[in-house]
N, C-alpha and C. Protein backbone atom coordinates (compact mmCIF):
# COMPACT_ATOMS: atom_id res chain seq x y z
N MET A 1 0.85 -1.16 0.00
CA MET A 1 0.00 0.00 0.00
C MET A 1 0.90 1.23 0.00
N GLY A 2 0.63 2.11 -0.96
CA GLY A 2 1.42 3.32 -1.08
C GLY A 2 0.93 4.43 -0.17
N PHE A 3 1.72 5.48 -0.15
CA PHE A 3 1.40 6.64 0.69
C PHE A 3 0.04 7.23 0.34
N MET A 4 -0.24 7.40 -0.96
CA MET A 4 -1.50 8.02 -1.39
C MET A 4 -2.69 7.14 -1.01
N ASP A 5 -2.52 5.81 -1.07
CA ASP A 5 -3.60 4.91 -0.65
C ASP A 5 -3.92 5.12 0.82
N ARG A 6 -2.90 5.29 1.64
CA ARG A 6 -3.12 5.52 3.07
C ARG A 6 -3.82 6.86 3.31
N VAL A 7 -3.42 7.88 2.56
CA VAL A 7 -4.06 9.19 2.69
C VAL A 7 -5.53 9.10 2.33
N ARG A 8 -5.85 8.38 1.25
CA ARG A 8 -7.24 8.23 0.83
C ARG A 8 -8.05 7.48 1.89
N ILE A 9 -7.46 6.49 2.51
CA ILE A 9 -8.15 5.74 3.56
C ILE A 9 -8.45 6.66 4.74
N VAL A 10 -7.48 7.47 5.13
CA VAL A 10 -7.66 8.38 6.26
C VAL A 10 -8.77 9.37 5.96
N PHE A 11 -8.83 9.88 4.73
CA PHE A 11 -9.83 10.87 4.38
C PHE A 11 -11.11 10.25 3.82
N GLY A 12 -11.20 8.94 3.82
CA GLY A 12 -12.43 8.26 3.44
C GLY A 12 -12.72 8.20 1.95
N ARG A 13 -11.74 8.40 1.13
CA ARG A 13 -11.96 8.33 -0.32
C ARG A 13 -11.36 7.05 -0.86
N GLU A 14 -12.12 6.39 -1.73
CA GLU A 14 -11.62 5.18 -2.36
C GLU A 14 -10.64 5.56 -3.47
N PRO A 15 -9.65 4.71 -3.71
CA PRO A 15 -8.75 4.97 -4.84
C PRO A 15 -9.54 4.96 -6.15
N ALA A 16 -9.12 5.77 -7.09
CA ALA A 16 -9.81 5.88 -8.38
C ALA A 16 -9.91 4.52 -9.07
N LYS A 17 -8.92 3.69 -8.87
CA LYS A 17 -8.90 2.36 -9.47
C LYS A 17 -10.10 1.54 -8.99
N GLU A 18 -10.39 1.61 -7.70
CA GLU A 18 -11.52 0.85 -7.14
C GLU A 18 -12.85 1.41 -7.60
N VAL A 19 -12.95 2.72 -7.68
CA VAL A 19 -14.18 3.36 -8.16
C VAL A 19 -14.45 2.96 -9.60
N ALA A 20 -13.42 3.01 -10.43
CA ALA A 20 -13.55 2.64 -11.83
C ALA A 20 -13.94 1.17 -11.97
N LYS A 21 -13.36 0.32 -11.14
CA LYS A 21 -13.67 -1.11 -11.17
C LYS A 21 -15.14 -1.35 -10.83
N LYS A 22 -15.64 -0.67 -9.79
CA LYS A 22 -17.04 -0.83 -9.40
C LYS A 22 -17.98 -0.33 -10.50
N ARG A 23 -17.63 0.78 -11.11
CA ARG A 23 -18.47 1.32 -12.19
C ARG A 23 -18.52 0.36 -13.36
N LEU A 24 -17.39 -0.20 -13.73
CA LEU A 24 -17.34 -1.15 -14.84
C LEU A 24 -18.16 -2.40 -14.51
N GLN A 25 -18.05 -2.90 -13.28
CA GLN A 25 -18.84 -4.06 -12.88
C GLN A 25 -20.33 -3.77 -12.97
N LEU A 26 -20.72 -2.57 -12.56
CA LEU A 26 -22.13 -2.18 -12.62
C LEU A 26 -22.61 -2.13 -14.07
N ILE A 27 -21.81 -1.53 -14.93
CA ILE A 27 -22.16 -1.46 -16.35
C ILE A 27 -22.29 -2.85 -16.95
N LEU A 28 -21.36 -3.74 -16.62
CA LEU A 28 -21.41 -5.11 -17.14
C LEU A 28 -22.63 -5.86 -16.63
N LYS A 29 -22.98 -5.65 -15.38
CA LYS A 29 -24.15 -6.32 -14.80
C LYS A 29 -25.40 -5.93 -15.55
N TYR A 30 -25.60 -4.65 -15.77
CA TYR A 30 -26.81 -4.20 -16.46
C TYR A 30 -26.77 -4.54 -17.94
N ASP A 31 -25.59 -4.59 -18.52
CA ASP A 31 -25.47 -4.99 -19.92
C ASP A 31 -25.87 -6.45 -20.08
N ARG A 32 -25.42 -7.30 -19.16
CA ARG A 32 -25.77 -8.72 -19.20
C ARG A 32 -27.26 -8.94 -18.99
N ALA A 33 -27.87 -8.06 -18.22
CA ALA A 33 -29.31 -8.16 -17.97
C ALA A 33 -30.12 -7.59 -19.15
N GLY A 34 -29.45 -7.01 -20.11
CA GLY A 34 -30.12 -6.46 -21.28
C GLY A 34 -30.73 -5.08 -21.05
N LEU A 35 -30.24 -4.37 -20.04
CA LEU A 35 -30.76 -3.04 -19.75
C LEU A 35 -29.92 -1.98 -20.45
N PRO A 36 -30.57 -0.95 -20.97
CA PRO A 36 -29.78 0.15 -21.55
C PRO A 36 -29.03 0.90 -20.44
N PRO A 37 -27.96 1.61 -20.79
CA PRO A 37 -27.12 2.27 -19.78
C PRO A 37 -27.87 3.22 -18.86
N ASN A 38 -28.88 3.90 -19.35
CA ASN A 38 -29.58 4.88 -18.53
C ASN A 38 -30.85 4.33 -17.90
N ALA A 39 -31.05 3.02 -17.94
CA ALA A 39 -32.29 2.42 -17.43
C ALA A 39 -32.46 2.66 -15.94
N ILE A 40 -31.40 2.52 -15.17
CA ILE A 40 -31.50 2.67 -13.72
C ILE A 40 -31.85 4.11 -13.36
N GLU A 41 -31.25 5.07 -14.04
CA GLU A 41 -31.57 6.47 -13.78
C GLU A 41 -33.02 6.76 -14.16
N ALA A 42 -33.49 6.14 -15.23
CA ALA A 42 -34.88 6.33 -15.64
C ALA A 42 -35.84 5.75 -14.60
N VAL A 43 -35.48 4.61 -14.03
CA VAL A 43 -36.31 3.99 -12.98
C VAL A 43 -36.34 4.91 -11.76
N LYS A 44 -35.18 5.42 -11.35
CA LYS A 44 -35.12 6.33 -10.20
C LYS A 44 -36.01 7.54 -10.42
N GLU A 45 -35.92 8.14 -11.60
CA GLU A 45 -36.70 9.34 -11.89
C GLU A 45 -38.20 9.02 -11.92
N ALA A 46 -38.57 7.87 -12.47
CA ALA A 46 -39.99 7.48 -12.51
C ALA A 46 -40.54 7.28 -11.09
N ILE A 47 -39.73 6.67 -10.22
CA ILE A 47 -40.16 6.47 -8.84
C ILE A 47 -40.36 7.82 -8.15
N LEU A 48 -39.39 8.71 -8.30
CA LEU A 48 -39.50 10.03 -7.67
C LEU A 48 -40.70 10.81 -8.22
N ASN A 49 -40.93 10.73 -9.51
CA ASN A 49 -42.07 11.44 -10.10
C ASN A 49 -43.39 10.91 -9.57
N SER A 50 -43.49 9.60 -9.39
CA SER A 50 -44.74 9.04 -8.87
C SER A 50 -44.95 9.41 -7.39
N LEU A 51 -43.87 9.53 -6.63
CA LEU A 51 -43.98 9.89 -5.22
C LEU A 51 -44.33 11.36 -5.03
N ARG A 52 -44.04 12.20 -6.01
CA ARG A 52 -44.35 13.63 -5.91
C ARG A 52 -45.85 13.90 -5.84
N GLU A 53 -46.66 12.92 -6.25
CA GLU A 53 -48.12 13.08 -6.21
C GLU A 53 -48.66 13.09 -4.79
N PHE A 54 -47.90 12.61 -3.84
CA PHE A 54 -48.37 12.49 -2.47
C PHE A 54 -47.76 13.60 -1.61
N PRO A 55 -48.58 14.50 -1.11
CA PRO A 55 -48.06 15.65 -0.36
C PRO A 55 -47.43 15.29 0.98
N PHE A 56 -47.72 14.13 1.51
CA PHE A 56 -47.16 13.73 2.80
C PHE A 56 -45.81 13.05 2.70
N ILE A 57 -45.29 12.90 1.49
CA ILE A 57 -43.97 12.27 1.27
C ILE A 57 -42.91 13.36 1.21
N ASP A 58 -41.81 13.16 1.94
CA ASP A 58 -40.67 14.07 1.91
C ASP A 58 -39.74 13.66 0.77
N ILE A 59 -39.95 14.24 -0.40
CA ILE A 59 -39.20 13.86 -1.60
C ILE A 59 -37.69 14.06 -1.42
N GLU A 60 -37.30 15.11 -0.72
CA GLU A 60 -35.88 15.39 -0.52
C GLU A 60 -35.19 14.29 0.29
N GLY A 61 -35.94 13.58 1.11
CA GLY A 61 -35.37 12.54 1.96
C GLY A 61 -35.43 11.15 1.37
N VAL A 62 -36.01 11.00 0.18
CA VAL A 62 -36.12 9.67 -0.44
C VAL A 62 -34.72 9.16 -0.77
N ASN A 63 -34.47 7.92 -0.39
CA ASN A 63 -33.18 7.28 -0.65
C ASN A 63 -33.42 6.03 -1.48
N ILE A 64 -32.86 6.01 -2.68
CA ILE A 64 -32.99 4.85 -3.56
C ILE A 64 -31.62 4.19 -3.63
N HIS A 65 -31.55 2.93 -3.18
CA HIS A 65 -30.29 2.20 -3.12
C HIS A 65 -30.30 1.08 -4.15
N ILE A 66 -29.30 1.11 -5.01
CA ILE A 66 -29.12 0.05 -5.99
C ILE A 66 -27.93 -0.77 -5.52
N PRO A 67 -28.11 -2.09 -5.38
CA PRO A 67 -27.04 -2.91 -4.82
C PRO A 67 -25.80 -2.96 -5.70
N ASP A 68 -24.69 -3.32 -5.07
CA ASP A 68 -23.44 -3.49 -5.79
C ASP A 68 -23.57 -4.65 -6.76
N PRO A 69 -22.76 -4.65 -7.81
CA PRO A 69 -22.84 -5.73 -8.78
C PRO A 69 -22.57 -7.11 -8.18
N ASP A 70 -21.82 -7.16 -7.08
CA ASP A 70 -21.48 -8.44 -6.47
C ASP A 70 -22.58 -8.96 -5.54
N ALA A 71 -23.58 -8.15 -5.26
CA ALA A 71 -24.62 -8.54 -4.31
C ALA A 71 -25.46 -9.67 -4.88
N GLU A 72 -25.87 -10.56 -3.98
CA GLU A 72 -26.71 -11.68 -4.38
C GLU A 72 -28.08 -11.20 -4.86
N SER A 73 -28.64 -10.24 -4.16
CA SER A 73 -29.97 -9.76 -4.47
C SER A 73 -29.91 -8.65 -5.50
N GLY A 74 -30.83 -8.69 -6.45
CA GLY A 74 -30.92 -7.64 -7.44
C GLY A 74 -32.00 -6.64 -7.08
N LYS A 75 -32.33 -6.54 -5.80
CA LYS A 75 -33.42 -5.68 -5.36
C LYS A 75 -32.97 -4.23 -5.25
N ILE A 76 -33.87 -3.35 -5.66
CA ILE A 76 -33.66 -1.92 -5.45
C ILE A 76 -34.38 -1.59 -4.15
N GLU A 77 -33.66 -0.98 -3.20
CA GLU A 77 -34.26 -0.63 -1.91
C GLU A 77 -34.57 0.86 -1.89
N ILE A 78 -35.77 1.18 -1.40
CA ILE A 78 -36.21 2.57 -1.38
C ILE A 78 -36.68 2.92 0.03
N GLU A 79 -36.13 4.01 0.57
CA GLU A 79 -36.58 4.55 1.85
C GLU A 79 -37.40 5.79 1.54
N VAL A 80 -38.65 5.79 1.99
CA VAL A 80 -39.56 6.89 1.71
C VAL A 80 -39.99 7.52 3.03
N PRO A 81 -39.43 8.66 3.40
CA PRO A 81 -39.84 9.31 4.64
C PRO A 81 -41.17 10.06 4.49
N VAL A 82 -41.92 10.06 5.56
CA VAL A 82 -43.19 10.76 5.60
C VAL A 82 -42.98 12.06 6.37
N LYS A 83 -43.55 13.15 5.87
CA LYS A 83 -43.42 14.45 6.55
C LYS A 83 -44.16 14.40 7.86
N SER A 84 -43.56 15.00 8.87
CA SER A 84 -44.24 15.06 10.16
C SER A 84 -45.17 16.27 10.16
N LYS A 85 -46.21 16.18 10.98
CA LYS A 85 -47.22 17.26 11.03
C LYS A 85 -46.74 18.43 11.81
């Protein structure tokens, strides 16, 4: 492990090599599934647009999690906060 790797660990940033590797794995996963490159972003936007219809949903707090390519589950997890009165 080099000096810069240690600095990145201390400051919580992944090395560019690891980020690029994860991105490539994600692209390959969706390519193998037959999804176009922007399909996941389109799904995210469609979910957010449908949630905007409900005034009690805090759209700013919605968290959409797409699992890593290595994950067993292909589930998209969504946290939808409700506005307090």
